[in-house]
Amino acid sequence: MSLIDFPSVHQLAQRYPREPGRLRHHLAAEPLLGYAALAEAARALPRQQVERRVHDAADAAAFRIIENDAHPADAIAAGGAASAWVMLRYIEQLPEYRALLERLLAELAPMIGPATGPALDIKGFAFISAPGTRTPFHFDAEYNILFQIAGDKVFAAYPSAPPFLDLAQREAYHRAGENMLEWRAEYAAAGNKHLLAPGDALFVPHAAPHWVRAGDAPSISLSVTWQSRKSRAVADALSLNQLLRRIGLPAYDPSASSGAPWLRAAASRAGQRIGLV
């Protein structure tokens, strides 16, 4: 049996990779994505890759990690934490989850390959969210599909361009991993909002800012992310900007150029090898 509804892949191909787009899937009954299996996965992963955060944070500053002695796996096994957001990071380290991600991407390959080439650097994240969980405004420098497994969520996506995302914020991500963004009240009406129920999935373009809000029931979501040759080149080119400014040359801005910065990326990699970048 396929994991993804084929007609919805064809429909998403009309939007990929530049616009958010929906899919339908058949993962809601997948045993690996139930509470018992996710609790086992949480225990199998390195402890630092199982995060528990404040579930009702109003902004990035409040979205802090909750530190206590209890392992998040205990709350997951009991049906999810009543008042926390839990993330299992890099579940592709576990062979059974790696196989699941590879099956998903194999079914998506006819859409992904012609537009952006093979999926590279595949990663998986499972989110177990208490009712009402709010994930603050942020961005991820990767292609992403969020599969809703249990409960529902509102997912609001924004263009990866000013005023929502500027060059300084992109550079900060590639320099230090900082991906949280300042929220402004006027953004509320601008987002492309999607209500996701079990069986729904949403493709999120590379570096598209977004916020997420869970509904009134506990939520489980699976996020599958990947890179392309172009997105790798963009990351390398952004890393070169600081050096270019020092020597009086123009910086690279992805929002001002749709082409891949192959030459800048090659110069960046050369600079990294000799310690200039």
Protein backbone atom coordinates (compact mmCIF):
# COMPACT_ATOMS: atom_id res chain seq x y z
CA MET A 1 0.00 0.00 0.00
CA SER A 2 1.27 3.48 -0.82
CA LEU A 3 1.92 5.93 1.99
CA ILE A 4 0.86 9.02 0.03
CA ASP A 5 -2.22 9.63 -2.12
CA PHE A 6 -0.84 9.75 -5.66
CA PRO A 7 -3.27 12.35 -7.11
CA SER A 8 -2.26 14.79 -4.36
CA VAL A 9 1.42 14.37 -5.32
CA HIS A 10 0.53 15.38 -8.87
CA GLN A 11 -1.33 18.43 -7.56
CA LEU A 12 1.56 19.46 -5.31
CA ALA A 13 3.97 19.19 -8.26
CA GLN A 14 2.28 22.28 -9.69
CA ARG A 15 3.45 24.28 -6.65
CA TYR A 16 6.73 22.62 -5.64
CA PRO A 17 9.27 23.99 -4.71
CA ARG A 18 8.21 27.65 -4.45
CA GLU A 19 4.77 27.58 -2.82
CA PRO A 20 3.21 25.75 0.12
CA GLY A 21 1.01 22.88 -1.01
CA ARG A 22 -1.08 20.13 0.54
CA LEU A 23 -0.90 16.35 0.29
CA ARG A 24 -3.02 13.46 1.53
CA HIS A 25 -1.35 10.49 3.23
CA HIS A 26 -2.07 7.13 4.88
CA LEU A 27 0.19 7.36 7.93
CA ALA A 28 -2.40 7.90 10.66
CA ALA A 29 -2.46 4.16 11.43
CA GLU A 30 1.31 3.64 11.07
CA PRO A 31 2.45 1.81 14.25
CA LEU A 32 5.81 3.64 14.31
CA LEU A 33 3.94 6.93 14.76
CA GLY A 34 1.79 5.85 17.69
CA TYR A 35 2.51 6.87 21.29
CA ALA A 36 4.02 3.51 22.35
CA ALA A 37 6.52 3.38 19.47
CA LEU A 38 7.41 7.05 19.80
CA ALA A 39 8.11 6.53 23.51
CA GLU A 40 10.49 3.69 22.59
CA ALA A 41 12.12 5.92 19.97
CA ALA A 42 12.58 8.67 22.57
CA ARG A 43 14.44 6.23 24.81
CA ALA A 44 16.57 4.94 21.93
CA LEU A 45 17.68 8.40 20.75
CA PRO A 46 20.52 10.31 22.45
CA ARG A 47 18.96 12.22 25.35
CA GLN A 48 19.95 15.64 23.97
CA GLN A 49 17.90 14.94 20.85
CA VAL A 50 14.65 14.61 22.79
CA GLU A 51 13.48 18.14 23.66
CA ARG A 52 10.64 19.18 25.92
CA ARG A 53 9.61 22.85 25.70
CA VAL A 54 6.97 25.23 27.05
CA HIS A 55 3.83 24.51 25.04
CA ASP A 56 2.04 27.87 25.31
CA ALA A 57 4.96 30.24 24.65
CA ALA A 58 3.82 33.61 23.30
CA ASP A 59 7.17 34.30 21.62
CA ALA A 60 10.61 32.85 20.95
CA ALA A 61 12.02 34.01 24.29
CA ALA A 62 9.35 32.05 26.17
CA PHE A 63 9.78 28.91 24.03
CA ARG A 64 12.30 27.49 26.47
CA ILE A 65 13.42 23.95 27.20
CA ILE A 66 11.85 22.40 30.30
CA GLU A 67 14.52 20.85 32.49
CA ASN A 68 13.55 18.15 34.99
CA ASP A 69 14.51 14.59 35.89
CA ALA A 70 11.61 12.85 34.17
CA HIS A 71 12.36 11.46 30.72
CA PRO A 72 9.94 12.79 28.06
CA ALA A 73 9.37 9.19 26.96
CA ASP A 74 7.28 8.62 30.09
CA ALA A 75 4.85 11.36 29.10
CA ILE A 76 4.76 10.15 25.48
CA ALA A 77 3.91 6.61 26.57
CA ALA A 78 1.02 7.99 28.64
CA GLY A 79 -0.51 9.65 25.59
CA GLY A 80 1.53 12.84 25.35
CA ALA A 81 2.48 15.51 27.84
CA ALA A 82 -0.53 17.43 29.16
CA SER A 83 1.33 20.75 29.06
CA ALA A 84 4.48 20.45 26.95
CA TRP A 85 5.82 20.29 23.40
CA VAL A 86 8.12 17.34 22.78
CA MET A 87 10.36 16.89 19.73
CA LEU A 88 12.27 13.77 18.73
CA ARG A 89 15.12 15.10 16.63
CA TYR A 90 16.87 13.14 13.85
CA ILE A 91 14.74 10.00 14.06
CA GLU A 92 16.41 8.83 10.84
CA GLN A 93 19.16 7.52 13.15
CA LEU A 94 16.81 4.66 14.05
CA PRO A 95 16.72 2.07 11.24
CA GLU A 96 12.96 1.52 11.20
CA TYR A 97 12.28 5.26 10.97
CA ARG A 98 14.97 5.70 8.33
CA ALA A 99 13.18 3.08 6.25
CA LEU A 100 9.88 4.91 6.68
CA LEU A 101 11.38 8.24 5.58
CA GLU A 102 12.98 6.61 2.56
CA ARG A 103 9.65 5.05 1.53
CA LEU A 104 7.97 8.45 1.77
CA LEU A 105 10.63 10.18 -0.29
CA ALA A 106 10.65 7.39 -2.87
CA GLU A 107 6.95 8.07 -3.46
CA LEU A 108 7.68 11.81 -3.71
CA ALA A 109 10.70 11.41 -6.00
CA PRO A 110 8.70 11.90 -9.25
CA MET A 111 7.80 15.36 -7.94
CA ILE A 112 11.06 16.31 -6.20
CA GLY A 113 13.58 15.04 -8.73
CA PRO A 114 12.57 17.00 -11.85
CA ALA A 115 12.33 20.27 -9.91
CA THR A 116 15.22 20.22 -7.43
CA GLY A 117 17.16 17.01 -8.04
CA PRO A 118 17.67 14.13 -5.61
CA ALA A 119 16.68 14.63 -1.97
CA LEU A 120 19.88 15.05 0.09
CA ASP A 121 20.58 15.16 3.85
CA ILE A 122 17.25 13.53 4.76
CA LYS A 123 16.16 14.16 8.34
CA GLY A 124 13.09 13.31 10.39
CA PHE A 125 11.43 14.94 13.39
CA ALA A 126 8.45 13.76 15.43
CA PHE A 127 6.40 16.31 17.37
CA ILE A 128 4.16 15.33 20.27
CA SER A 129 2.20 18.43 21.28
CA ALA A 130 -0.16 19.17 24.14
CA PRO A 131 -3.53 20.75 23.28
CA GLY A 132 -3.12 24.41 22.40
CA THR A 133 0.64 24.18 21.77
CA ARG A 134 2.03 27.25 19.99
CA THR A 135 5.29 27.03 18.05
CA PRO A 136 6.57 30.62 17.65
CA PHE A 137 7.41 32.33 14.35
CA HIS A 138 10.61 30.86 12.89
CA PHE A 139 12.14 29.40 9.73
CA ASP A 140 14.11 26.30 8.74
CA ALA A 141 16.64 26.34 5.91
CA GLU A 142 15.42 23.10 4.36
CA TYR A 143 12.55 21.68 2.34
CA ASN A 144 9.92 20.24 4.65
CA ILE A 145 6.71 18.22 4.57
CA LEU A 146 4.73 18.05 7.79
CA PHE A 147 2.49 14.97 8.05
CA GLN A 148 -0.34 15.32 10.57
CA ILE A 149 -0.88 11.99 12.36
CA ALA A 150 -3.18 12.72 15.34
CA GLY A 151 -5.07 15.82 16.45
CA ASP A 152 -5.09 18.92 14.32
CA LYS A 153 -2.96 21.99 13.74
CA VAL A 154 -3.12 25.37 12.06
CA PHE A 155 0.07 25.94 10.09
CA ALA A 156 0.72 29.47 8.75
CA ALA A 157 3.46 29.87 6.12
CA TYR A 158 4.99 33.12 4.86
CA PRO A 159 7.25 34.08 1.93
CA SER A 160 11.00 33.71 2.52
CA ALA A 161 11.61 37.40 1.81
CA PRO A 162 11.42 40.76 3.62
CA PRO A 163 9.71 41.85 5.76
CA PHE A 164 9.20 38.31 7.10
CA LEU A 165 12.79 37.11 6.56
CA ASP A 166 15.74 39.32 5.73
CA LEU A 167 19.35 38.70 4.75
CA ALA A 168 20.75 39.29 8.25
CA GLN A 169 18.44 36.61 9.66
CA ARG A 170 19.44 34.14 6.96
CA GLU A 171 23.11 34.74 7.67
CA ALA A 172 22.58 34.35 11.42
CA TYR A 173 21.07 30.93 10.82
CA HIS A 174 24.03 29.70 8.77
CA ARG A 175 26.51 31.27 11.18
CA ALA A 176 25.01 30.22 14.52
CA GLY A 177 21.85 28.19 13.89
CA GLU A 178 19.51 30.97 15.07
CA ASN A 179 16.12 30.48 13.40
CA MET A 180 13.64 32.33 15.60
CA LEU A 181 12.09 35.47 14.08
CA GLU A 182 10.53 38.61 15.49
CA TRP A 183 6.75 38.54 15.34
CA ARG A 184 4.83 41.67 14.38
CA ALA A 185 1.09 42.09 14.81
CA GLU A 186 0.65 43.12 11.18
CA TYR A 187 1.86 39.67 10.06
CA ALA A 188 -1.27 38.00 11.42
CA ALA A 189 -3.34 38.64 8.30
CA ALA A 190 -0.54 37.82 5.85
CA GLY A 191 0.13 34.15 6.42
CA ASN A 192 -0.98 31.32 4.16
CA LYS A 193 -2.94 29.34 6.78
CA HIS A 194 -3.70 25.63 6.55
CA LEU A 195 -5.80 23.53 8.92
CA LEU A 196 -4.23 20.08 9.08
CA ALA A 197 -6.15 17.04 10.34
CA PRO A 198 -4.98 13.40 10.42
CA GLY A 199 -4.29 12.36 6.83
CA ASP A 200 -3.28 15.88 5.79
CA ALA A 201 0.27 16.99 5.00
CA LEU A 202 1.78 20.32 4.02
CA PHE A 203 4.88 21.04 1.95
CA VAL A 204 6.76 24.07 3.29
CA PRO A 205 9.22 25.76 0.89
CA HIS A 206 12.90 26.14 1.75
CA ALA A 207 13.39 28.84 4.43
CA ALA A 208 9.68 29.80 4.52
CA PRO A 209 8.90 31.46 7.89
CA HIS A 210 5.97 29.90 9.75
CA TRP A 211 4.13 29.46 13.02
CA VAL A 212 2.09 26.49 14.21
CA ARG A 213 -0.80 26.12 16.67
CA ALA A 214 -2.21 22.79 17.85
CA GLY A 215 -5.95 22.33 18.37
CA ASP A 216 -7.92 21.13 21.38
CA ALA A 217 -6.62 17.54 21.32
CA PRO A 218 -3.11 16.10 21.73
CA SER A 219 -1.21 16.20 18.44
CA ILE A 220 1.36 14.00 16.70
CA SER A 221 3.15 15.21 13.57
CA LEU A 222 6.01 13.87 11.49
CA SER A 223 8.31 16.32 9.70
CA VAL A 224 10.47 15.04 6.84
CA THR A 225 13.15 17.46 5.61
CA TRP A 226 15.80 17.44 2.92
CA GLN A 227 18.25 19.57 0.98
CA SER A 228 19.06 19.90 -2.72
CA ARG A 229 22.26 20.81 -4.54
CA LYS A 230 20.89 24.35 -4.90
CA SER A 231 19.97 24.73 -1.20
CA ARG A 232 23.44 23.51 -0.24
CA ALA A 233 24.92 26.11 -2.60
CA VAL A 234 22.74 28.83 -1.07
CA ALA A 235 24.01 27.92 2.41
CA ASP A 236 27.62 28.05 1.26
CA ALA A 237 27.12 31.37 -0.56
CA LEU A 238 25.51 32.95 2.52
CA SER A 239 28.48 31.84 4.61
CA LEU A 240 30.76 33.81 2.28
CA ASN A 241 28.94 37.13 2.73
CA GLN A 242 30.86 38.32 5.77
CA LEU A 243 34.18 37.96 3.93
CA LEU A 244 32.82 39.67 0.80
CA ARG A 245 31.73 42.70 2.81
CA ARG A 246 35.18 42.99 4.40
CA ILE A 247 36.81 43.25 0.99
CA GLY A 248 34.18 45.60 -0.43
CA LEU A 249 32.26 43.17 -2.65
CA PRO A 250 28.47 42.78 -2.79
CA ALA A 251 26.85 40.16 -0.59
CA TYR A 252 24.60 37.40 -1.93
CA ASP A 253 20.87 37.67 -1.14
CA PRO A 254 18.69 34.66 -2.09
CA SER A 255 15.52 36.78 -2.11
CA ALA A 256 17.01 38.95 -4.88
CA SER A 257 18.16 36.09 -7.13
CA SER A 258 16.32 32.95 -8.22
CA GLY A 259 19.38 31.26 -9.70
CA ALA A 260 21.77 28.97 -7.86
CA PRO A 261 24.99 30.73 -6.69
CA TRP A 262 27.35 28.02 -7.89
CA LEU A 263 30.48 30.18 -8.18
CA ARG A 264 29.99 31.84 -4.81
CA ALA A 265 29.35 28.45 -3.24
CA ALA A 266 32.56 27.05 -4.73
CA ALA A 267 34.51 30.08 -3.45
CA SER A 268 32.97 29.62 -0.02
CA ARG A 269 33.96 25.96 0.18
CA ALA A 270 37.49 26.84 -0.90
CA GLY A 271 37.61 29.56 1.75
CA GLN A 272 36.41 27.14 4.40
CA ARG A 273 39.21 24.71 3.54
CA ILE A 274 41.88 27.35 4.16
CA GLY A 275 40.18 29.02 7.12
CA LEU A 276 39.04 32.26 5.50
CA VAL A 277 35.31 31.54 5.91
